[in-house]
Amino acid sequence: MYKILQDKFVKDNVVFFVGSMIIAVFNYLYHPIMSHMMSVEEFGEVQTLISLMYITGILMLVVGAVIVNIVANNMYLHTKEYKNIINQLYKLSLYVVGIFIIGMIGVSSYLAHFLQFDSIVSFLPLWLIIIVGVPSTFFSSYLRGVQRFGVVSIMN
C-alpha cells in the first residue's frame, strides 16, 4: 500500500480528486444558498444562464481534451509544429467564440423575450464568462497535459 501511495501518478490523481471533491461540495451548496437569497424569477434566470454557459462550454471541453492529448503525449513538444498547432487551436477557438457571441448579440432580444428575461443585459455575464473561458481552458488543459494537477485543482 505504501508503495502505491508513493507513485507520482497516484499522488497527482489523489490531489486532483480531493480538489474536485472540494469544488463539488461548494457547487452543491450554491443552489440551496442562492435559492434562499433570490426570488423565484431571479433564481430561474440565473439557472437559465448557467445552463446556457454549460451548453456553450461543450466546444471548449473538446478543444481542451485535444490540447491535453497533444501535450501529454509529447507529440510535438518543443518544436515549431507543436507551438503552431496550439496557437492555431487557440485562434480557432477565439474565432468560433467571437462569432458565437456576435450571433448571440444579434438574437439576444429574441432570446430574452423567449426566456422571459427583463432585458438583454442579463446575457452580459454569460458573454464575459465565455470570453474568459477560452484562455482559462487552454491554460488548464496545458497544465493537465504536463501533469500539474495540484495547480489545476487550485485554479478551479
N, C-alpha and C. Protein backbone atom coordinates (compact mmCIF):
# COMPACT_ATOMS: atom_id res chain seq x y z
N MET A 1 0.83 -1.20 0.00
CA MET A 1 0.00 0.00 0.00
C MET A 1 0.87 1.26 0.00
N TYR A 2 1.94 1.24 0.81
CA TYR A 2 2.83 2.39 0.89
C TYR A 2 3.48 2.67 -0.46
N LYS A 3 3.84 1.60 -1.18
CA LYS A 3 4.48 1.73 -2.49
C LYS A 3 3.52 2.37 -3.50
N ILE A 4 2.26 2.01 -3.41
CA ILE A 4 1.26 2.58 -4.33
C ILE A 4 1.11 4.08 -4.08
N LEU A 5 1.10 4.49 -2.81
CA LEU A 5 0.92 5.91 -2.48
C LEU A 5 2.13 6.75 -2.85
N GLN A 6 3.29 6.14 -3.07
CA GLN A 6 4.49 6.88 -3.47
C GLN A 6 4.55 7.13 -4.97
N ASP A 7 3.72 6.46 -5.74
CA ASP A 7 3.69 6.63 -7.18
C ASP A 7 3.23 8.04 -7.53
N LYS A 8 3.96 8.73 -8.40
CA LYS A 8 3.63 10.11 -8.77
C LYS A 8 2.25 10.21 -9.40
N PHE A 9 1.91 9.26 -10.27
CA PHE A 9 0.61 9.28 -10.92
C PHE A 9 -0.52 9.18 -9.91
N VAL A 10 -0.38 8.28 -8.93
CA VAL A 10 -1.41 8.11 -7.90
C VAL A 10 -1.50 9.37 -7.04
N LYS A 11 -0.36 9.93 -6.64
CA LYS A 11 -0.38 11.14 -5.82
C LYS A 11 -1.05 12.30 -6.56
N ASP A 12 -0.70 12.47 -7.83
CA ASP A 12 -1.31 13.55 -8.61
C ASP A 12 -2.82 13.37 -8.74
N ASN A 13 -3.25 12.15 -8.96
CA ASN A 13 -4.68 11.89 -9.08
C ASN A 13 -5.40 12.06 -7.76
N VAL A 14 -4.76 11.73 -6.65
CA VAL A 14 -5.38 11.96 -5.34
C VAL A 14 -5.55 13.45 -5.11
N VAL A 15 -4.54 14.25 -5.44
CA VAL A 15 -4.64 15.70 -5.29
C VAL A 15 -5.78 16.24 -6.16
N PHE A 16 -5.84 15.79 -7.40
CA PHE A 16 -6.89 16.23 -8.32
C PHE A 16 -8.27 15.82 -7.80
N PHE A 17 -8.38 14.59 -7.29
CA PHE A 17 -9.65 14.09 -6.77
C PHE A 17 -10.10 14.90 -5.55
N VAL A 18 -9.19 15.16 -4.62
CA VAL A 18 -9.55 15.93 -3.42
C VAL A 18 -9.97 17.34 -3.81
N GLY A 19 -9.22 17.97 -4.71
CA GLY A 19 -9.60 19.30 -5.16
C GLY A 19 -10.95 19.32 -5.85
N SER A 20 -11.21 18.32 -6.67
CA SER A 20 -12.50 18.23 -7.36
C SER A 20 -13.64 18.02 -6.38
N MET A 21 -13.43 17.24 -5.34
CA MET A 21 -14.47 17.00 -4.34
C MET A 21 -14.76 18.27 -3.54
N ILE A 22 -13.73 19.04 -3.22
CA ILE A 22 -13.95 20.30 -2.50
C ILE A 22 -14.79 21.24 -3.36
N ILE A 23 -14.45 21.35 -4.64
CA ILE A 23 -15.23 22.18 -5.56
C ILE A 23 -16.66 21.66 -5.68
N ALA A 24 -16.82 20.34 -5.72
CA ALA A 24 -18.16 19.75 -5.84
C ALA A 24 -19.02 20.09 -4.63
N VAL A 25 -18.44 20.12 -3.44
CA VAL A 25 -19.19 20.49 -2.23
C VAL A 25 -19.67 21.94 -2.33
N PHE A 26 -18.77 22.83 -2.77
CA PHE A 26 -19.18 24.23 -2.93
C PHE A 26 -20.26 24.37 -4.01
N ASN A 27 -20.13 23.64 -5.10
CA ASN A 27 -21.17 23.67 -6.14
C ASN A 27 -22.49 23.15 -5.61
N TYR A 28 -22.45 22.12 -4.79
CA TYR A 28 -23.68 21.58 -4.21
C TYR A 28 -24.33 22.60 -3.28
N LEU A 29 -23.54 23.32 -2.50
CA LEU A 29 -24.08 24.31 -1.56
C LEU A 29 -24.62 25.54 -2.27
N TYR A 30 -24.15 25.81 -3.47
CA TYR A 30 -24.55 27.00 -4.21
C TYR A 30 -26.07 27.08 -4.39
N HIS A 31 -26.68 26.00 -4.83
CA HIS A 31 -28.11 26.03 -5.17
C HIS A 31 -29.01 26.29 -3.97
N PRO A 32 -28.84 25.60 -2.84
CA PRO A 32 -29.72 25.92 -1.70
C PRO A 32 -29.51 27.33 -1.16
N ILE A 33 -28.27 27.78 -1.14
CA ILE A 33 -28.00 29.12 -0.61
C ILE A 33 -28.59 30.18 -1.53
N MET A 34 -28.33 30.05 -2.84
CA MET A 34 -28.83 31.06 -3.77
C MET A 34 -30.36 31.03 -3.87
N SER A 35 -30.96 29.87 -3.74
CA SER A 35 -32.42 29.81 -3.84
C SER A 35 -33.09 30.52 -2.67
N HIS A 36 -32.43 30.60 -1.53
CA HIS A 36 -32.98 31.33 -0.40
C HIS A 36 -32.71 32.83 -0.49
N MET A 37 -31.70 33.21 -1.26
CA MET A 37 -31.33 34.62 -1.36
C MET A 37 -32.05 35.35 -2.49
N MET A 38 -32.63 34.61 -3.44
CA MET A 38 -33.23 35.23 -4.62
C MET A 38 -34.71 34.91 -4.70
N SER A 39 -35.40 35.71 -5.51
CA SER A 39 -36.79 35.39 -5.81
C SER A 39 -36.81 34.24 -6.82
N VAL A 40 -37.98 33.67 -7.02
CA VAL A 40 -38.11 32.55 -7.95
C VAL A 40 -37.70 32.98 -9.36
N GLU A 41 -38.11 34.17 -9.79
CA GLU A 41 -37.80 34.64 -11.13
C GLU A 41 -36.30 34.86 -11.30
N GLU A 42 -35.66 35.48 -10.30
CA GLU A 42 -34.23 35.73 -10.38
C GLU A 42 -33.45 34.42 -10.39
N PHE A 43 -33.84 33.47 -9.55
CA PHE A 43 -33.16 32.19 -9.50
C PHE A 43 -33.31 31.43 -10.82
N GLY A 44 -34.50 31.50 -11.40
CA GLY A 44 -34.73 30.86 -12.69
C GLY A 44 -33.87 31.47 -13.78
N GLU A 45 -33.73 32.80 -13.75
CA GLU A 45 -32.89 33.48 -14.73
C GLU A 45 -31.43 33.06 -14.59
N VAL A 46 -30.95 33.00 -13.35
CA VAL A 46 -29.57 32.58 -13.11
C VAL A 46 -29.36 31.14 -13.56
N GLN A 47 -30.31 30.26 -13.27
CA GLN A 47 -30.18 28.87 -13.67
C GLN A 47 -30.19 28.72 -15.20
N THR A 48 -30.99 29.54 -15.87
CA THR A 48 -31.01 29.53 -17.33
C THR A 48 -29.66 29.95 -17.89
N LEU A 49 -29.07 31.00 -17.32
CA LEU A 49 -27.76 31.45 -17.77
C LEU A 49 -26.69 30.39 -17.51
N ILE A 50 -26.77 29.71 -16.37
CA ILE A 50 -25.81 28.65 -16.08
C ILE A 50 -25.96 27.51 -17.09
N SER A 51 -27.19 27.16 -17.42
CA SER A 51 -27.42 26.11 -18.42
C SER A 51 -26.86 26.50 -19.78
N LEU A 52 -27.07 27.74 -20.18
CA LEU A 52 -26.53 28.22 -21.45
C LEU A 52 -25.00 28.20 -21.44
N MET A 53 -24.42 28.54 -20.29
CA MET A 53 -22.96 28.52 -20.16
C MET A 53 -22.43 27.09 -20.32
N TYR A 54 -23.10 26.13 -19.71
CA TYR A 54 -22.68 24.73 -19.84
C TYR A 54 -22.80 24.25 -21.28
N ILE A 55 -23.86 24.64 -21.95
CA ILE A 55 -24.05 24.23 -23.34
C ILE A 55 -22.94 24.80 -24.22
N THR A 56 -22.61 26.07 -24.01
CA THR A 56 -21.56 26.68 -24.83
C THR A 56 -20.17 26.17 -24.45
N GLY A 57 -20.03 25.61 -23.26
CA GLY A 57 -18.74 25.09 -22.83
C GLY A 57 -18.36 23.75 -23.44
N ILE A 58 -19.30 23.12 -24.12
CA ILE A 58 -19.02 21.80 -24.71
C ILE A 58 -17.88 21.89 -25.73
N LEU A 59 -17.89 22.92 -26.56
CA LEU A 59 -16.82 23.09 -27.54
C LEU A 59 -15.46 23.21 -26.85
N MET A 60 -15.40 23.98 -25.79
CA MET A 60 -14.13 24.16 -25.11
C MET A 60 -13.66 22.87 -24.44
N LEU A 61 -14.57 22.03 -24.01
CA LEU A 61 -14.18 20.74 -23.45
C LEU A 61 -13.51 19.87 -24.51
N VAL A 62 -14.05 19.90 -25.70
CA VAL A 62 -13.48 19.11 -26.79
C VAL A 62 -12.08 19.63 -27.13
N VAL A 63 -11.96 20.93 -27.28
CA VAL A 63 -10.66 21.52 -27.60
C VAL A 63 -9.67 21.27 -26.46
N GLY A 64 -10.14 21.37 -25.22
CA GLY A 64 -9.28 21.10 -24.07
C GLY A 64 -8.77 19.67 -24.07
N ALA A 65 -9.62 18.72 -24.43
CA ALA A 65 -9.19 17.32 -24.48
C ALA A 65 -8.13 17.12 -25.55
N VAL A 66 -8.26 17.81 -26.67
CA VAL A 66 -7.26 17.71 -27.74
C VAL A 66 -5.92 18.27 -27.24
N ILE A 67 -5.96 19.39 -26.55
CA ILE A 67 -4.73 20.00 -26.05
C ILE A 67 -4.06 19.09 -25.02
N VAL A 68 -4.85 18.53 -24.10
CA VAL A 68 -4.29 17.60 -23.12
C VAL A 68 -3.62 16.43 -23.84
N ASN A 69 -4.27 15.90 -24.85
CA ASN A 69 -3.72 14.78 -25.60
C ASN A 69 -2.40 15.16 -26.27
N ILE A 70 -2.35 16.30 -26.91
CA ILE A 70 -1.13 16.73 -27.59
C ILE A 70 0.00 16.92 -26.58
N VAL A 71 -0.28 17.61 -25.48
CA VAL A 71 0.76 17.91 -24.50
C VAL A 71 1.19 16.65 -23.76
N ALA A 72 0.22 15.83 -23.34
CA ALA A 72 0.55 14.64 -22.55
C ALA A 72 1.33 13.62 -23.35
N ASN A 73 1.04 13.50 -24.63
CA ASN A 73 1.75 12.52 -25.45
C ASN A 73 3.04 13.07 -26.04
N ASN A 74 3.34 14.33 -25.76
CA ASN A 74 4.57 14.97 -26.24
C ASN A 74 4.77 14.77 -27.74
N MET A 75 3.66 14.81 -28.47
CA MET A 75 3.73 14.53 -29.90
C MET A 75 4.66 15.50 -30.62
N TYR A 76 4.60 16.76 -30.26
CA TYR A 76 5.38 17.75 -30.97
C TYR A 76 6.09 18.69 -29.99
N LEU A 77 6.37 18.21 -28.82
CA LEU A 77 6.89 19.07 -27.76
C LEU A 77 8.18 19.77 -28.19
N HIS A 78 8.26 21.04 -27.91
CA HIS A 78 9.42 21.90 -28.16
C HIS A 78 9.76 22.03 -29.65
N THR A 79 8.78 21.96 -30.48
CA THR A 79 9.02 22.18 -31.91
C THR A 79 8.11 23.31 -32.37
N LYS A 80 8.45 23.86 -33.52
CA LYS A 80 7.60 24.91 -34.09
C LYS A 80 6.23 24.35 -34.44
N GLU A 81 6.20 23.09 -34.89
CA GLU A 81 4.92 22.48 -35.27
C GLU A 81 4.00 22.36 -34.05
N TYR A 82 4.56 21.99 -32.91
CA TYR A 82 3.80 21.87 -31.66
C TYR A 82 3.20 23.22 -31.29
N LYS A 83 4.03 24.24 -31.26
CA LYS A 83 3.56 25.58 -30.90
C LYS A 83 2.54 26.09 -31.93
N ASN A 84 2.76 25.77 -33.19
CA ASN A 84 1.85 26.20 -34.24
C ASN A 84 0.47 25.55 -34.07
N ILE A 85 0.44 24.26 -33.74
CA ILE A 85 -0.84 23.56 -33.55
C ILE A 85 -1.60 24.18 -32.38
N ILE A 86 -0.93 24.40 -31.26
CA ILE A 86 -1.58 25.00 -30.09
C ILE A 86 -2.09 26.40 -30.43
N ASN A 87 -1.27 27.20 -31.11
CA ASN A 87 -1.69 28.56 -31.49
C ASN A 87 -2.87 28.54 -32.45
N GLN A 88 -2.88 27.62 -33.41
CA GLN A 88 -4.00 27.53 -34.34
C GLN A 88 -5.29 27.12 -33.64
N LEU A 89 -5.19 26.17 -32.70
CA LEU A 89 -6.38 25.78 -31.93
C LEU A 89 -6.89 26.95 -31.10
N TYR A 90 -5.97 27.70 -30.51
CA TYR A 90 -6.35 28.86 -29.71
C TYR A 90 -7.05 29.91 -30.57
N LYS A 91 -6.47 30.22 -31.72
CA LYS A 91 -7.08 31.21 -32.62
C LYS A 91 -8.44 30.73 -33.12
N LEU A 92 -8.51 29.46 -33.51
CA LEU A 92 -9.78 28.91 -33.98
C LEU A 92 -10.85 29.01 -32.89
N SER A 93 -10.48 28.69 -31.67
CA SER A 93 -11.43 28.79 -30.56
C SER A 93 -11.88 30.23 -30.34
N LEU A 94 -10.94 31.17 -30.40
CA LEU A 94 -11.32 32.58 -30.25
C LEU A 94 -12.25 33.03 -31.36
N TYR A 95 -11.98 32.62 -32.60
CA TYR A 95 -12.85 32.98 -33.72
C TYR A 95 -14.25 32.39 -33.55
N VAL A 96 -14.31 31.13 -33.21
CA VAL A 96 -15.61 30.47 -33.06
C VAL A 96 -16.40 31.12 -31.93
N VAL A 97 -15.73 31.39 -30.80
CA VAL A 97 -16.41 32.04 -29.68
C VAL A 97 -16.83 33.45 -30.06
N GLY A 98 -15.97 34.17 -30.77
CA GLY A 98 -16.33 35.52 -31.21
C GLY A 98 -17.55 35.52 -32.12
N ILE A 99 -17.57 34.61 -33.08
CA ILE A 99 -18.73 34.51 -33.98
C ILE A 99 -19.97 34.12 -33.19
N PHE A 100 -19.81 33.18 -32.25
CA PHE A 100 -20.95 32.76 -31.43
C PHE A 100 -21.50 33.93 -30.62
N ILE A 101 -20.62 34.72 -30.01
CA ILE A 101 -21.08 35.85 -29.19
C ILE A 101 -21.73 36.91 -30.07
N ILE A 102 -21.16 37.18 -31.24
CA ILE A 102 -21.79 38.14 -32.15
C ILE A 102 -23.17 37.64 -32.56
N GLY A 103 -23.27 36.35 -32.83
CA GLY A 103 -24.57 35.77 -33.16
C GLY A 103 -25.55 35.88 -32.00
N MET A 104 -25.05 35.65 -30.78
CA MET A 104 -25.93 35.77 -29.61
C MET A 104 -26.38 37.21 -29.41
N ILE A 105 -25.48 38.15 -29.66
CA ILE A 105 -25.87 39.56 -29.54
C ILE A 105 -26.97 39.87 -30.56
N GLY A 106 -26.82 39.30 -31.75
CA GLY A 106 -27.82 39.53 -32.80
C GLY A 106 -29.20 38.99 -32.45
N VAL A 107 -29.25 37.85 -31.80
CA VAL A 107 -30.55 37.25 -31.47
C VAL A 107 -30.92 37.41 -29.99
N SER A 108 -30.16 38.22 -29.28
CA SER A 108 -30.38 38.32 -27.83
C SER A 108 -31.75 38.90 -27.47
N SER A 109 -32.27 39.82 -28.28
CA SER A 109 -33.59 40.36 -27.95
C SER A 109 -34.66 39.29 -28.11
N TYR A 110 -34.53 38.46 -29.16
CA TYR A 110 -35.48 37.35 -29.34
C TYR A 110 -35.32 36.30 -28.24
N LEU A 111 -34.07 36.01 -27.90
CA LEU A 111 -33.80 35.02 -26.87
C LEU A 111 -34.27 35.51 -25.50
N ALA A 112 -34.06 36.79 -25.23
CA ALA A 112 -34.52 37.35 -23.95
C ALA A 112 -36.05 37.29 -23.86
N HIS A 113 -36.72 37.59 -24.95
CA HIS A 113 -38.17 37.50 -24.96
C HIS A 113 -38.63 36.05 -24.78
N PHE A 114 -37.99 35.12 -25.48
CA PHE A 114 -38.36 33.70 -25.39
C PHE A 114 -38.13 33.16 -23.97
N LEU A 115 -37.02 33.56 -23.34
CA LEU A 115 -36.70 33.08 -22.00
C LEU A 115 -37.33 33.93 -20.90
N GLN A 116 -38.06 34.96 -21.30
CA GLN A 116 -38.77 35.86 -20.39
C GLN A 116 -37.82 36.59 -19.45
N PHE A 117 -36.70 37.07 -20.00
CA PHE A 117 -35.77 37.90 -19.24
C PHE A 117 -36.25 39.34 -19.31
N ASP A 118 -35.87 40.12 -18.32
CA ASP A 118 -36.26 41.53 -18.30
C ASP A 118 -35.57 42.31 -19.42
N SER A 119 -34.29 42.01 -19.66
CA SER A 119 -33.55 42.72 -20.71
C SER A 119 -32.41 41.83 -21.20
N ILE A 120 -31.75 42.32 -22.26
CA ILE A 120 -30.62 41.55 -22.78
C ILE A 120 -29.36 41.74 -21.94
N VAL A 121 -29.40 42.65 -21.00
CA VAL A 121 -28.25 42.88 -20.11
C VAL A 121 -27.94 41.62 -19.29
N SER A 122 -28.95 40.79 -19.09
CA SER A 122 -28.75 39.55 -18.34
C SER A 122 -27.76 38.62 -19.04
N PHE A 123 -27.59 38.78 -20.34
CA PHE A 123 -26.65 37.93 -21.08
C PHE A 123 -25.21 38.40 -20.95
N LEU A 124 -24.98 39.60 -20.47
CA LEU A 124 -23.62 40.14 -20.36
C LEU A 124 -22.69 39.24 -19.54
N PRO A 125 -23.10 38.77 -18.35
CA PRO A 125 -22.19 37.87 -17.62
C PRO A 125 -21.86 36.59 -18.40
N LEU A 126 -22.84 36.07 -19.13
CA LEU A 126 -22.61 34.87 -19.94
C LEU A 126 -21.55 35.15 -21.00
N TRP A 127 -21.67 36.27 -21.69
CA TRP A 127 -20.69 36.60 -22.73
C TRP A 127 -19.30 36.76 -22.14
N LEU A 128 -19.21 37.42 -20.98
CA LEU A 128 -17.90 37.61 -20.35
C LEU A 128 -17.29 36.29 -19.90
N ILE A 129 -18.12 35.40 -19.36
CA ILE A 129 -17.62 34.10 -18.92
C ILE A 129 -17.12 33.29 -20.11
N ILE A 130 -17.83 33.36 -21.21
CA ILE A 130 -17.40 32.62 -22.41
C ILE A 130 -16.07 33.17 -22.92
N ILE A 131 -15.93 34.49 -22.94
CA ILE A 131 -14.68 35.11 -23.42
C ILE A 131 -13.51 34.74 -22.50
N VAL A 132 -13.70 34.78 -21.20
CA VAL A 132 -12.64 34.44 -20.25
C VAL A 132 -12.38 32.93 -20.27
N GLY A 133 -13.37 32.15 -20.65
CA GLY A 133 -13.24 30.70 -20.64
C GLY A 133 -12.24 30.15 -21.64
N VAL A 134 -12.03 30.84 -22.75
CA VAL A 134 -11.10 30.34 -23.77
C VAL A 134 -9.68 30.29 -23.23
N PRO A 135 -9.10 31.39 -22.74
CA PRO A 135 -7.73 31.29 -22.21
C PRO A 135 -7.65 30.38 -20.99
N SER A 136 -8.67 30.40 -20.17
CA SER A 136 -8.68 29.55 -18.98
C SER A 136 -8.65 28.07 -19.36
N THR A 137 -9.44 27.70 -20.36
CA THR A 137 -9.46 26.30 -20.82
C THR A 137 -8.11 25.90 -21.38
N PHE A 138 -7.50 26.76 -22.17
CA PHE A 138 -6.20 26.42 -22.75
C PHE A 138 -5.14 26.26 -21.66
N PHE A 139 -5.10 27.17 -20.71
CA PHE A 139 -4.11 27.09 -19.64
C PHE A 139 -4.33 25.85 -18.78
N SER A 140 -5.58 25.60 -18.41
CA SER A 140 -5.91 24.42 -17.60
C SER A 140 -5.58 23.13 -18.34
N SER A 141 -5.88 23.07 -19.62
CA SER A 141 -5.60 21.87 -20.41
C SER A 141 -4.11 21.62 -20.52
N TYR A 142 -3.35 22.69 -20.72
CA TYR A 142 -1.90 22.54 -20.79
C TYR A 142 -1.35 22.02 -19.46
N LEU A 143 -1.84 22.56 -18.35
CA LEU A 143 -1.37 22.11 -17.03
C LEU A 143 -1.73 20.65 -16.78
N ARG A 144 -2.93 20.23 -17.21
CA ARG A 144 -3.28 18.82 -17.08
C ARG A 144 -2.39 17.95 -17.95
N GLY A 145 -2.03 18.44 -19.12
CA GLY A 145 -1.16 17.68 -20.01
C GLY A 145 0.23 17.47 -19.46
N VAL A 146 0.72 18.45 -18.71
CA VAL A 146 2.05 18.32 -18.09
C VAL A 146 1.95 17.81 -16.66
N GLN A 147 0.79 17.31 -16.29
CA GLN A 147 0.51 16.66 -15.01
C GLN A 147 0.73 17.58 -13.80
N ARG A 148 0.25 18.80 -13.91
CA ARG A 148 0.28 19.75 -12.78
C ARG A 148 -1.12 19.82 -12.20
N PHE A 149 -1.59 18.69 -11.67
CA PHE A 149 -2.96 18.55 -11.20
C PHE A 149 -3.27 19.42 -9.98
N GLY A 150 -2.28 19.61 -9.12
CA GLY A 150 -2.48 20.46 -7.95
C GLY A 150 -2.82 21.89 -8.34
N VAL A 151 -2.10 22.42 -9.32
CA VAL A 151 -2.35 23.78 -9.79
C VAL A 151 -3.73 23.85 -10.46
N VAL A 152 -4.09 22.81 -11.21
CA VAL A 152 -5.40 22.79 -11.86
C VAL A 152 -6.51 22.79 -10.82
N SER A 153 -6.33 22.01 -9.74
CA SER A 153 -7.35 21.99 -8.68
C SER A 153 -7.48 23.34 -8.02
N ILE A 154 -6.38 24.00 -7.76
CA ILE A 154 -6.43 25.33 -7.15
C ILE A 154 -7.06 26.33 -8.11
N MET A 155 -6.72 26.22 -9.38
CA MET A 155 -7.28 27.13 -10.39
C MET A 155 -8.78 26.98 -10.50
N ASN A 156 -9.27 25.74 -10.40
CA ASN A 156 -10.71 25.52 -10.47
C ASN A 156 -11.41 26.14 -9.27
